[in-house]
Amino acid sequence: MTNNAIWLIVDVGTSGAKAALITAAGDLRRTVTESYATFSAEGGVNEQNAADWWHAVIAACRAFGDDIQHVGAVAVTGQMQDCILLDADGVPTHPVILYSDTRAQTEADLITERIGADRLMALTGNEQGADSLWAKLLWLTHHQPGALQLARHILFGAADAIIYQLTGHASTDTTVASTTGLMNLQTRRWLDVDVLDAMGIGACASKLPPLVAGGGQVGPVTERAAAVTGLPVGIPVYHAPGDAGAATIGAGSGEVGRAYGYLGTSGWVAFTSATSGSPLNGVFTLAHPQPDRYIQIAPLLTAAGNLEWIKEVFAAGAVDEFITEALARPITNVIYLPYLNGERTPFRDPLARAAFIGMGGATERADLGRAVLEGVAFGYRHALDALMPKPPERLILTGGGTRSVGWCQLFADVLGVDILIGAEAEHVGVRGALIAAQVARGELPGYTPSNFPPIERTLMPDAERYAQYSAKYAVYRAAYPAMKDLFAQMGR
């Protein structure tokens, strides 16, 4: 494709589906985002509807008007580690069980007892628990067997579901598959059937989709999909790596080297490596699209989602106004633990919960808002400590949260490193999906094009505030161990 050729990139996130028209040279022309709902309930339940994802993608495509007819290729990325059940027509047989859903703790304990935690870790390269897909599939086997029986395909990334609607082909990329606990990280193949049988989910083996390296072509757009989206029939569809993989590439970290952080509803710090990480340090290892590479990642289950939550609790107005109000207050002793849905790094605890510590009679709403902003940044510092024995001199920060320069400056002050904000940082997933597809097509020699990514702003830490935050961070680090047993009692 020429540099002026138009791609449609779809990024199916936690809060909405983003569709972008972008040239092969990386010139972003238009974006449209369509939102959808999440259902949450006690017991760690977090669900969405795969049909809502598809309807959002259709609406986004239609919003482009006649421009959609000029698209020459499509690449799709999105949220990972979901349990998606579709029948042969692409109709969901059960709501999507999201990555943040931890209802399957009993099943996780049962399978761990059957297989052994060490063997599971050796096979998958990662620590496993209630968020693992084998636990969720066993939960469905126990509680919703009809939904499993009706399903023709079990998919694991939001991109999988959209690509199935576009092409009629089932697939999962290896980056997403490495989050499920169902793929051997070294061979990059699904676990053997005898292992699945021992887990109690052997009947699911025939429903697992083919694995593709992120960026690979899956199939052409069907007439059925073209009729509802407006896309041209027959253009190629590429399965980009899941959102963490696409963001890694889009942040300029697709080659071995520099670290970056993603600040979205969930979040992480990560870098590309020639070796897998140590799960004993709370680090998760994902499969890079290139077979001999890995993405070492320290994921935070809830990042900017904490800000979304506190804003709703206070019925606050615009996010930027709420942040400005919070940052206008001085640093206080109030500490916030950002574990709304449990945590994954640097410890795995589905029963951990959010908490304010140190409130007094003089504590105001804005103080609590500031504590939330600080608590999320502390979570990133904690994750970075687990990921890298020596902190980087600079950290590229990406994701929708970077729209607030004030919050990004707080990150610099908390972490004590320069924070680099890339141009259009909220669209790194879009750019990463494009680059992965172009590498797969042979149009790019590697995952970091020259002079990429363009840096829009550099924020340096304030030494005095870093000292204040370091003292507060020490208390933050001590808070979870002190409350761990209480969280466990409350979660029983």
Protein backbone atom coordinates (compact mmCIF):
# COMPACT_ATOMS: atom_id res chain seq x y z
CA MET A 1 0.00 0.00 0.00
CA THR A 2 1.19 3.56 -0.72
CA ASN A 3 1.87 6.04 2.09
CA ASN A 4 -1.42 7.77 1.31
CA ALA A 5 -3.48 4.57 1.47
CA ILE A 6 -6.13 4.63 4.18
CA TRP A 7 -6.33 2.06 6.97
CA LEU A 8 -9.17 1.55 9.41
CA ILE A 9 -7.79 0.74 12.87
CA VAL A 10 -10.24 -0.47 15.51
CA ASP A 11 -9.31 -0.51 19.21
CA VAL A 12 -11.99 -2.14 21.38
CA GLY A 13 -11.24 -0.86 24.87
CA THR A 14 -12.85 -1.24 28.26
CA SER A 15 -15.02 1.85 28.05
CA GLY A 16 -15.57 2.13 24.31
CA ALA A 17 -14.55 1.18 20.79
CA LYS A 18 -12.30 3.61 18.94
CA ALA A 19 -12.19 3.60 15.15
CA ALA A 20 -9.50 5.58 13.37
CA LEU A 21 -8.75 6.42 9.76
CA ILE A 22 -4.99 6.64 9.36
CA THR A 23 -2.65 6.68 6.39
CA ALA A 24 0.02 4.06 5.85
CA ALA A 25 2.55 6.78 6.73
CA GLY A 26 0.91 7.22 10.14
CA ASP A 27 -1.04 10.42 9.50
CA LEU A 28 -4.14 10.21 11.71
CA ARG A 29 -7.10 11.59 9.76
CA ARG A 30 -10.21 10.99 11.90
CA THR A 31 -11.24 9.12 15.01
CA VAL A 32 -14.63 8.15 16.39
CA THR A 33 -15.30 6.51 19.74
CA GLU A 34 -18.53 4.75 20.68
CA SER A 35 -19.07 3.78 24.32
CA TYR A 36 -20.81 0.79 25.90
CA ALA A 37 -21.75 -0.34 29.38
CA THR A 38 -20.03 -2.60 31.91
CA PHE A 39 -22.04 -4.62 34.39
CA SER A 40 -20.44 -5.07 37.82
CA ALA A 41 -21.71 -6.89 40.89
CA GLU A 42 -20.49 -8.18 44.22
CA GLY A 43 -18.25 -11.19 44.17
CA GLY A 44 -15.85 -9.78 41.58
CA VAL A 45 -18.32 -9.86 38.66
CA ASN A 46 -17.41 -7.63 35.69
CA GLU A 47 -19.12 -8.24 32.35
CA GLN A 48 -19.77 -6.67 28.97
CA ASN A 49 -21.75 -7.74 25.93
CA ALA A 50 -19.82 -8.71 22.79
CA ALA A 51 -22.84 -7.61 20.72
CA ASP A 52 -22.40 -4.11 22.16
CA TRP A 53 -18.81 -4.10 20.90
CA TRP A 54 -19.92 -4.96 17.38
CA HIS A 55 -22.73 -2.40 17.40
CA ALA A 56 -20.23 0.24 18.57
CA VAL A 57 -17.84 -0.63 15.73
CA ILE A 58 -20.67 -0.45 13.19
CA ALA A 59 -21.75 2.95 14.53
CA ALA A 60 -18.18 4.25 14.43
CA CYS A 61 -17.72 3.10 10.84
CA ARG A 62 -21.01 4.67 9.79
CA ALA A 63 -19.98 7.94 11.45
CA PHE A 64 -17.17 8.25 8.89
CA GLY A 65 -19.73 8.59 6.11
CA ASP A 66 -18.40 8.11 2.57
CA ASP A 67 -14.80 8.10 3.85
CA ILE A 68 -15.24 4.50 5.02
CA GLN A 69 -15.54 3.41 1.40
CA HIS A 70 -11.93 4.48 0.73
CA VAL A 71 -10.40 2.17 3.34
CA GLY A 72 -7.95 -0.33 1.85
CA ALA A 73 -7.19 -2.48 4.90
CA VAL A 74 -8.34 -3.03 8.49
CA ALA A 75 -6.39 -3.87 11.66
CA VAL A 76 -8.07 -4.61 15.00
CA THR A 77 -6.73 -4.56 18.57
CA GLY A 78 -8.46 -4.37 21.93
CA GLN A 79 -8.77 -5.47 25.53
CA MET A 80 -7.31 -8.85 26.45
CA GLN A 81 -7.89 -11.78 28.81
CA ASP A 82 -11.67 -11.91 28.35
CA CYS A 83 -13.88 -14.98 28.08
CA ILE A 84 -16.04 -14.61 24.96
CA LEU A 85 -18.51 -17.28 23.86
CA LEU A 86 -19.94 -17.04 20.34
CA ASP A 87 -22.11 -19.40 18.33
CA ALA A 88 -21.43 -20.08 14.65
CA ASP A 89 -23.28 -16.89 13.64
CA GLY A 90 -21.26 -14.73 16.04
CA VAL A 91 -24.12 -14.42 18.54
CA PRO A 92 -22.93 -14.40 22.18
CA THR A 93 -24.15 -17.30 24.29
CA HIS A 94 -23.09 -15.60 27.54
CA PRO A 95 -21.99 -12.10 28.57
CA VAL A 96 -18.26 -11.47 28.20
CA ILE A 97 -16.43 -12.25 31.44
CA LEU A 98 -13.86 -9.45 31.57
CA TYR A 99 -10.19 -9.59 32.49
CA SER A 100 -11.02 -7.80 35.77
CA ASP A 101 -13.62 -10.43 36.77
CA THR A 102 -12.43 -12.50 39.75
CA ARG A 103 -15.52 -14.57 40.57
CA ALA A 104 -13.73 -17.85 39.76
CA GLN A 105 -11.50 -17.95 42.86
CA THR A 106 -12.87 -21.33 43.98
CA GLU A 107 -12.24 -22.81 40.54
CA ALA A 108 -8.74 -21.29 40.45
CA ASP A 109 -7.91 -22.93 43.77
CA LEU A 110 -9.30 -26.26 42.56
CA ILE A 111 -7.27 -26.28 39.33
CA THR A 112 -4.12 -25.11 41.09
CA GLU A 113 -4.51 -28.03 43.49
CA ARG A 114 -5.00 -30.45 40.57
CA ILE A 115 -2.15 -29.25 38.36
CA GLY A 116 0.20 -27.57 40.80
CA ALA A 117 1.12 -23.88 40.88
CA ASP A 118 4.73 -24.55 39.83
CA ARG A 119 3.71 -26.59 36.79
CA LEU A 120 1.17 -23.99 35.71
CA MET A 121 3.82 -21.30 36.01
CA ALA A 122 6.35 -23.38 34.06
CA LEU A 123 3.88 -24.02 31.22
CA THR A 124 2.46 -20.53 30.89
CA GLY A 125 5.43 -18.44 32.05
CA ASN A 126 3.22 -16.55 34.49
CA GLU A 127 1.58 -16.79 37.87
CA GLN A 128 -2.03 -17.88 37.52
CA GLY A 129 -5.19 -17.19 39.50
CA ALA A 130 -8.89 -16.31 39.39
CA ASP A 131 -8.39 -14.03 36.38
CA SER A 132 -6.96 -16.92 34.32
CA LEU A 133 -9.21 -18.18 31.57
CA TRP A 134 -9.06 -21.80 32.68
CA ALA A 135 -10.60 -20.74 36.00
CA LYS A 136 -13.35 -18.82 34.20
CA LEU A 137 -14.04 -21.73 31.86
CA LEU A 138 -14.34 -24.10 34.80
CA TRP A 139 -16.70 -21.62 36.47
CA LEU A 140 -18.85 -21.67 33.34
CA THR A 141 -18.68 -25.47 33.31
CA HIS A 142 -20.01 -25.52 36.86
CA HIS A 143 -22.53 -22.68 36.66
CA GLN A 144 -23.46 -22.05 33.00
CA PRO A 145 -22.83 -25.33 31.13
CA GLY A 146 -25.52 -24.52 28.56
CA ALA A 147 -23.68 -21.38 27.44
CA LEU A 148 -20.53 -23.43 26.81
CA GLN A 149 -22.41 -26.13 24.95
CA LEU A 150 -24.07 -23.59 22.64
CA ALA A 151 -20.78 -21.85 21.92
CA ARG A 152 -18.95 -22.76 18.71
CA HIS A 153 -15.97 -20.55 19.50
CA ILE A 154 -14.25 -19.50 22.73
CA LEU A 155 -12.36 -16.27 22.11
CA PHE A 156 -10.14 -14.25 24.45
CA GLY A 157 -9.67 -10.74 23.10
CA ALA A 158 -12.19 -8.13 22.06
CA ALA A 159 -10.37 -7.95 18.72
CA ASP A 160 -11.09 -11.68 18.23
CA ALA A 161 -14.82 -11.01 18.41
CA ILE A 162 -14.75 -8.06 16.00
CA ILE A 163 -12.53 -9.88 13.51
CA TYR A 164 -14.93 -12.82 13.57
CA GLN A 165 -17.78 -10.46 12.69
CA LEU A 166 -15.72 -8.88 9.90
CA THR A 167 -14.33 -12.07 8.34
CA GLY A 168 -16.17 -15.10 9.71
CA HIS A 169 -12.80 -16.51 10.88
CA ALA A 170 -12.00 -17.29 14.52
CA SER A 171 -8.53 -16.31 15.75
CA THR A 172 -6.59 -15.15 18.79
CA ASP A 173 -3.24 -13.43 18.64
CA THR A 174 -0.37 -14.83 20.68
CA THR A 175 -0.06 -11.70 22.82
CA VAL A 176 -3.64 -12.12 24.03
CA ALA A 177 -3.22 -15.89 24.34
CA SER A 178 -0.27 -15.40 26.68
CA THR A 179 -2.60 -13.66 29.16
CA THR A 180 -5.05 -16.55 29.36
CA GLY A 181 -3.09 -19.29 31.12
CA LEU A 182 -4.04 -21.58 28.24
CA MET A 183 -0.97 -21.11 26.02
CA ASN A 184 2.53 -22.51 26.44
CA LEU A 185 4.63 -19.35 26.37
CA GLN A 186 7.71 -21.00 24.89
CA THR A 187 6.06 -23.03 22.10
CA ARG A 188 3.26 -20.48 21.57
CA ARG A 189 0.69 -23.24 21.24
CA TRP A 190 -2.41 -24.03 23.26
CA LEU A 191 -1.85 -26.35 26.21
CA ASP A 192 -2.15 -30.06 25.45
CA VAL A 193 -5.59 -31.62 25.76
CA ASP A 194 -4.45 -33.84 28.62
CA VAL A 195 -3.67 -30.73 30.67
CA LEU A 196 -7.08 -29.23 29.84
CA ASP A 197 -8.70 -32.55 30.79
CA ALA A 198 -6.92 -32.47 34.14
CA MET A 199 -8.25 -28.95 34.64
CA GLY A 200 -11.78 -30.16 33.99
CA ILE A 201 -12.22 -28.15 30.78
CA GLY A 202 -11.16 -30.69 28.15
CA ALA A 203 -14.47 -30.20 26.31
CA CYS A 204 -13.34 -26.65 25.50
CA ALA A 205 -10.26 -27.76 23.53
CA SER A 206 -12.10 -28.11 20.20
CA LYS A 207 -13.51 -24.59 20.56
CA LEU A 208 -10.18 -22.81 20.95
CA PRO A 209 -9.33 -20.64 17.92
CA PRO A 210 -6.23 -20.77 15.72
CA LEU A 211 -3.30 -18.71 17.04
CA VAL A 212 -1.74 -15.95 14.93
CA ALA A 213 1.23 -13.68 15.60
CA GLY A 214 0.07 -10.12 16.20
CA GLY A 215 -0.29 -8.28 12.91
CA GLY A 216 -1.08 -11.37 10.84
CA GLN A 217 -3.78 -11.37 8.18
CA VAL A 218 -6.90 -13.35 9.07
CA GLY A 219 -9.25 -12.91 6.12
CA PRO A 220 -11.15 -10.47 3.91
CA VAL A 221 -14.18 -8.39 4.88
CA THR A 222 -17.30 -10.40 4.05
CA GLU A 223 -20.32 -9.13 2.17
CA ARG A 224 -22.34 -9.44 5.38
CA ALA A 225 -19.90 -7.24 7.32
CA ALA A 226 -19.56 -4.76 4.47
CA ALA A 227 -23.33 -4.30 4.32
CA VAL A 228 -23.52 -3.07 7.93
CA THR A 229 -20.21 -1.19 8.23
CA GLY A 230 -19.90 0.38 4.79
CA LEU A 231 -16.42 -1.10 4.31
CA PRO A 232 -15.47 -2.36 0.84
CA VAL A 233 -15.99 -6.10 0.36
CA GLY A 234 -12.83 -8.19 0.25
CA ILE A 235 -10.29 -5.80 1.79
CA PRO A 236 -7.81 -7.57 4.12
CA VAL A 237 -8.28 -7.71 7.89
CA TYR A 238 -5.24 -7.99 10.17
CA HIS A 239 -5.23 -9.30 13.72
CA ALA A 240 -3.10 -6.77 15.58
CA PRO A 241 -1.65 -7.76 18.96
CA GLY A 242 -3.90 -7.17 21.98
CA ASP A 243 -3.98 -3.72 23.51
CA ALA A 244 -0.85 -4.10 25.66
CA GLY A 245 1.11 -5.35 22.66
CA ALA A 246 -0.23 -2.65 20.35
CA ALA A 247 0.47 0.04 22.94
CA THR A 248 4.02 -1.27 23.45
CA ILE A 249 4.72 -0.95 19.75
CA GLY A 250 2.85 2.36 19.42
CA ALA A 251 4.78 3.83 22.35
CA GLY A 252 8.05 3.17 20.57
CA SER A 253 8.97 0.18 22.74
CA GLY A 254 8.47 -2.57 20.18
CA GLU A 255 12.20 -3.24 19.96
CA VAL A 256 14.30 -4.39 22.92
CA GLY A 257 14.96 -1.43 25.21
CA ARG A 258 13.07 1.53 26.58
CA ALA A 259 10.31 1.31 29.16
CA TYR A 260 6.93 2.99 28.97
CA GLY A 261 3.72 3.25 30.98
CA TYR A 262 0.11 3.07 29.84
CA LEU A 263 -2.44 5.10 31.79
CA GLY A 264 -5.95 4.04 30.81
CA THR A 265 -8.90 2.53 32.71
CA SER A 266 -6.42 -0.24 33.50
CA GLY A 267 -2.70 0.32 33.19
CA TRP A 268 0.80 -1.08 33.14
CA VAL A 269 4.50 -0.41 32.83
CA ALA A 270 6.37 -2.53 30.30
CA PHE A 271 9.27 -3.01 27.90
CA THR A 272 10.29 -5.42 25.13
CA SER A 273 12.89 -8.00 26.15
CA ALA A 274 14.82 -10.91 24.66
CA THR A 275 13.98 -12.95 27.78
CA SER A 276 10.86 -13.66 29.80
CA GLY A 277 10.40 -12.00 33.18
CA SER A 278 10.15 -13.54 36.64
CA PRO A 279 6.56 -14.11 37.79
CA LEU A 280 7.90 -14.31 41.35
CA ASN A 281 8.47 -10.55 41.16
CA GLY A 282 4.90 -9.91 40.08
CA VAL A 283 5.96 -9.42 36.46
CA PHE A 284 3.78 -10.79 33.68
CA THR A 285 5.38 -11.93 30.43
CA LEU A 286 3.48 -11.54 27.17
CA ALA A 287 4.34 -12.98 23.80
CA HIS A 288 5.72 -10.32 21.47
CA PRO A 289 4.55 -10.68 17.84
CA GLN A 290 8.13 -11.66 16.98
CA PRO A 291 8.68 -15.29 18.07
CA ASP A 292 11.97 -14.74 19.96
CA ARG A 293 10.84 -11.70 21.90
CA TYR A 294 8.73 -11.01 24.97
CA ILE A 295 6.97 -8.08 26.55
CA GLN A 296 7.72 -7.86 30.26
CA ILE A 297 4.80 -6.07 31.83
CA ALA A 298 3.69 -5.11 35.31
CA PRO A 299 -0.09 -4.67 34.97
CA LEU A 300 -2.34 -2.66 37.26
CA LEU A 301 -5.87 -3.98 37.31
CA THR A 302 -7.41 -0.53 37.81
CA ALA A 303 -5.52 2.67 36.94
CA ALA A 304 -7.43 5.72 35.67
CA GLY A 305 -10.56 3.70 36.45
CA ASN A 306 -10.03 4.91 40.03
CA LEU A 307 -10.42 8.50 38.85
CA GLU A 308 -13.55 7.61 36.89
CA TRP A 309 -14.98 5.97 40.03
CA ILE A 310 -14.30 8.84 42.45
CA LYS A 311 -15.66 11.38 39.96
CA GLU A 312 -18.92 9.42 39.75
CA VAL A 313 -19.12 9.07 43.54
CA PHE A 314 -18.89 12.84 43.92
CA ALA A 315 -21.10 13.49 40.87
CA ALA A 316 -18.34 15.79 39.69
CA GLY A 317 -18.37 17.58 36.37
CA ALA A 318 -15.65 17.40 33.73
CA VAL A 319 -12.63 15.25 34.50
CA ASP A 320 -10.12 18.04 33.85
CA GLU A 321 -11.93 20.35 36.28
CA PHE A 322 -11.97 17.64 38.94
CA ILE A 323 -8.22 17.04 38.49
CA THR A 324 -7.47 20.78 38.62
CA GLU A 325 -9.46 21.11 41.85
CA ALA A 326 -7.64 18.16 43.39
CA LEU A 327 -4.14 19.29 42.41
CA ALA A 328 -4.79 22.78 43.79
CA ARG A 329 -4.77 21.26 47.29
CA PRO A 330 -1.48 20.71 49.14
CA ILE A 331 -0.05 17.23 49.70
CA THR A 332 -1.71 15.67 52.75
CA ASN A 333 -1.24 12.49 54.77
CA VAL A 334 -4.31 10.88 53.19
CA ILE A 335 -3.36 7.73 51.27
CA TYR A 336 -5.49 5.90 48.74
CA LEU A 337 -5.01 2.26 47.79
CA PRO A 338 -6.13 1.90 44.12
CA TYR A 339 -7.35 -1.70 44.27
CA LEU A 340 -11.00 -1.29 43.23
CA ASN A 341 -11.10 -4.70 41.55
CA GLY A 342 -8.18 -6.42 43.28
CA GLU A 343 -4.62 -6.25 41.99
CA ARG A 344 -2.19 -8.16 39.79
CA THR A 345 1.18 -6.43 40.27
CA PRO A 346 3.34 -6.39 42.29
CA PHE A 347 1.11 -8.83 44.15
CA ARG A 348 -1.79 -10.95 42.95
CA ASP A 349 -4.80 -10.56 45.22
CA PRO A 350 -8.34 -10.60 43.78
CA LEU A 351 -9.70 -9.77 47.24
CA ALA A 352 -7.73 -6.54 47.71
CA ARG A 353 -9.91 -3.46 47.63
CA ALA A 354 -9.60 0.30 47.46
CA ALA A 355 -9.27 2.22 50.72
CA PHE A 356 -8.65 5.71 52.04
CA ILE A 357 -6.30 5.88 55.03
CA GLY A 358 -5.60 8.90 57.21
CA MET A 359 -8.72 11.02 56.78
CA GLY A 360 -9.50 13.59 59.45
CA GLY A 361 -12.13 16.14 60.24
CA ALA A 362 -10.45 18.70 57.99
CA THR A 363 -10.26 16.39 54.97
CA GLU A 364 -12.09 17.85 51.98
CA ARG A 365 -13.42 16.38 48.76
CA ALA A 366 -10.47 17.74 46.81
CA ASP A 367 -8.07 16.09 49.27
CA LEU A 368 -9.65 12.73 48.50
CA GLY A 369 -9.42 13.48 44.79
CA ARG A 370 -5.72 14.31 45.14
CA ALA A 371 -5.15 11.14 47.16
CA VAL A 372 -6.68 9.11 44.32
CA LEU A 373 -4.39 10.74 41.74
CA GLU A 374 -1.40 10.11 44.01
CA GLY A 375 -2.48 6.55 44.81
CA VAL A 376 -2.59 5.61 41.14
CA ALA A 377 0.89 7.09 40.64
CA PHE A 378 2.14 5.18 43.72
CA GLY A 379 0.73 2.03 42.13
CA TYR A 380 2.85 2.68 39.04
CA ARG A 381 5.95 3.27 41.16
CA HIS A 382 5.29 0.00 42.99
CA ALA A 383 4.86 -1.83 39.67
CA LEU A 384 8.00 -0.25 38.21
CA ASP A 385 9.96 -1.37 41.29
CA ALA A 386 8.88 -4.94 40.52
CA LEU A 387 9.55 -4.68 36.79
CA MET A 388 13.05 -3.19 36.81
CA PRO A 389 15.69 -3.47 39.56
CA LYS A 390 17.01 -0.06 38.53
CA PRO A 391 14.47 2.61 37.55
CA PRO A 392 14.80 4.10 34.06
CA GLU A 393 16.06 7.63 33.64
CA ARG A 394 12.95 8.47 31.69
CA LEU A 395 9.54 6.89 31.13
CA ILE A 396 7.33 7.35 28.09
CA LEU A 397 3.76 7.75 29.36
CA THR A 398 0.84 6.96 27.07
CA GLY A 399 -2.91 6.45 27.18
CA GLY A 400 -5.94 8.65 27.71
CA GLY A 401 -4.77 9.71 31.18
CA THR A 402 -1.96 11.73 29.60
CA ARG A 403 -4.47 14.36 28.52
CA SER A 404 -3.94 15.89 31.98
CA VAL A 405 -0.53 17.56 32.09
CA GLY A 406 -0.99 18.14 35.82
CA TRP A 407 -1.44 14.44 36.52
CA CYS A 408 1.55 13.61 34.33
CA GLN A 409 3.65 16.09 36.33
CA LEU A 410 2.49 14.34 39.50
CA PHE A 411 3.75 11.07 37.98
CA ALA A 412 7.16 12.68 37.40
CA ASP A 413 7.26 13.90 41.00
CA VAL A 414 6.18 10.52 42.44
CA LEU A 415 8.45 8.37 40.25
CA GLY A 416 11.41 10.74 40.31
CA VAL A 417 12.07 10.31 36.57
CA ASP A 418 11.51 12.41 33.47
CA ILE A 419 8.09 11.72 31.95
CA LEU A 420 7.96 11.88 28.15
CA ILE A 421 4.58 12.40 26.51
CA GLY A 422 4.35 11.32 22.90
CA ALA A 423 2.33 13.22 20.34
CA GLU A 424 -1.29 12.00 20.35
CA ALA A 425 -0.40 9.69 23.25
CA GLU A 426 -3.99 8.53 23.63
CA HIS A 427 -3.75 6.88 20.19
CA VAL A 428 -0.67 4.68 20.73
CA GLY A 429 -2.76 1.52 20.35
CA VAL A 430 -3.95 2.67 16.94
CA ARG A 431 -0.39 3.36 15.78
CA GLY A 432 0.92 0.11 17.24
CA ALA A 433 -1.78 -1.92 15.50
CA LEU A 434 -0.87 -0.27 12.19
CA ILE A 435 2.88 -0.88 12.63
CA ALA A 436 2.35 -4.55 13.59
CA ALA A 437 0.28 -5.13 10.45
CA GLN A 438 2.84 -3.33 8.28
CA VAL A 439 5.67 -5.47 9.69
CA ALA A 440 3.62 -8.60 8.98
CA ARG A 441 3.06 -7.37 5.41
CA GLY A 442 6.80 -6.80 4.95
CA GLU A 443 6.36 -3.06 4.56
CA LEU A 444 8.45 -2.19 7.66
CA PRO A 445 11.71 -3.85 8.71
CA GLY A 446 11.06 -3.54 12.45
CA TYR A 447 8.67 -2.41 15.15
CA THR A 448 10.21 1.02 15.79
CA PRO A 449 10.27 3.21 12.67
CA SER A 450 12.89 5.96 12.54
CA ASN A 451 12.21 9.06 14.70
CA PHE A 452 9.38 7.24 16.44
CA PRO A 453 7.53 8.08 18.56
CA PRO A 454 7.50 11.87 18.27
CA ILE A 455 7.79 13.37 21.79
CA GLU A 456 5.48 16.29 22.43
CA ARG A 457 6.40 17.18 26.03
CA THR A 458 9.00 16.33 28.67
CA LEU A 459 8.16 16.78 32.36
CA MET A 460 10.96 16.73 34.94
CA PRO A 461 10.45 15.84 38.62
CA ASP A 462 10.54 18.48 41.35
CA ALA A 463 13.15 17.40 43.92
CA GLU A 464 11.24 18.72 46.93
CA ARG A 465 7.97 17.07 45.97
CA TYR A 466 9.81 13.83 45.12
CA ALA A 467 11.19 13.77 48.67
CA GLN A 468 7.71 14.35 50.11
CA TYR A 469 6.21 11.64 47.94
CA SER A 470 8.99 9.17 48.74
CA ALA A 471 8.15 9.44 52.44
CA LYS A 472 4.45 9.00 51.65
CA TYR A 473 5.22 6.10 49.31
CA ALA A 474 6.88 4.22 52.18
CA VAL A 475 3.59 4.37 54.09
CA TYR A 476 1.71 3.34 50.93
CA ARG A 477 3.97 0.28 50.59
CA ALA A 478 3.25 -0.70 54.21
CA ALA A 479 -0.53 -0.27 53.94
CA TYR A 480 -1.46 -3.31 51.85
CA PRO A 481 0.52 -5.88 53.91
CA ALA A 482 -1.12 -4.46 57.04
CA MET A 483 -4.61 -4.83 55.53
CA LYS A 484 -4.19 -8.03 53.52
CA ASP A 485 -5.81 -10.30 56.11
CA LEU A 486 -8.71 -7.88 56.56
CA PHE A 487 -9.34 -7.85 52.80
CA ALA A 488 -9.36 -11.66 52.83
CA GLN A 489 -11.88 -11.77 55.71
CA MET A 490 -14.15 -9.27 53.96
CA GLY A 491 -14.02 -11.23 50.71
CA ARG A 492 -15.11 -14.57 52.15
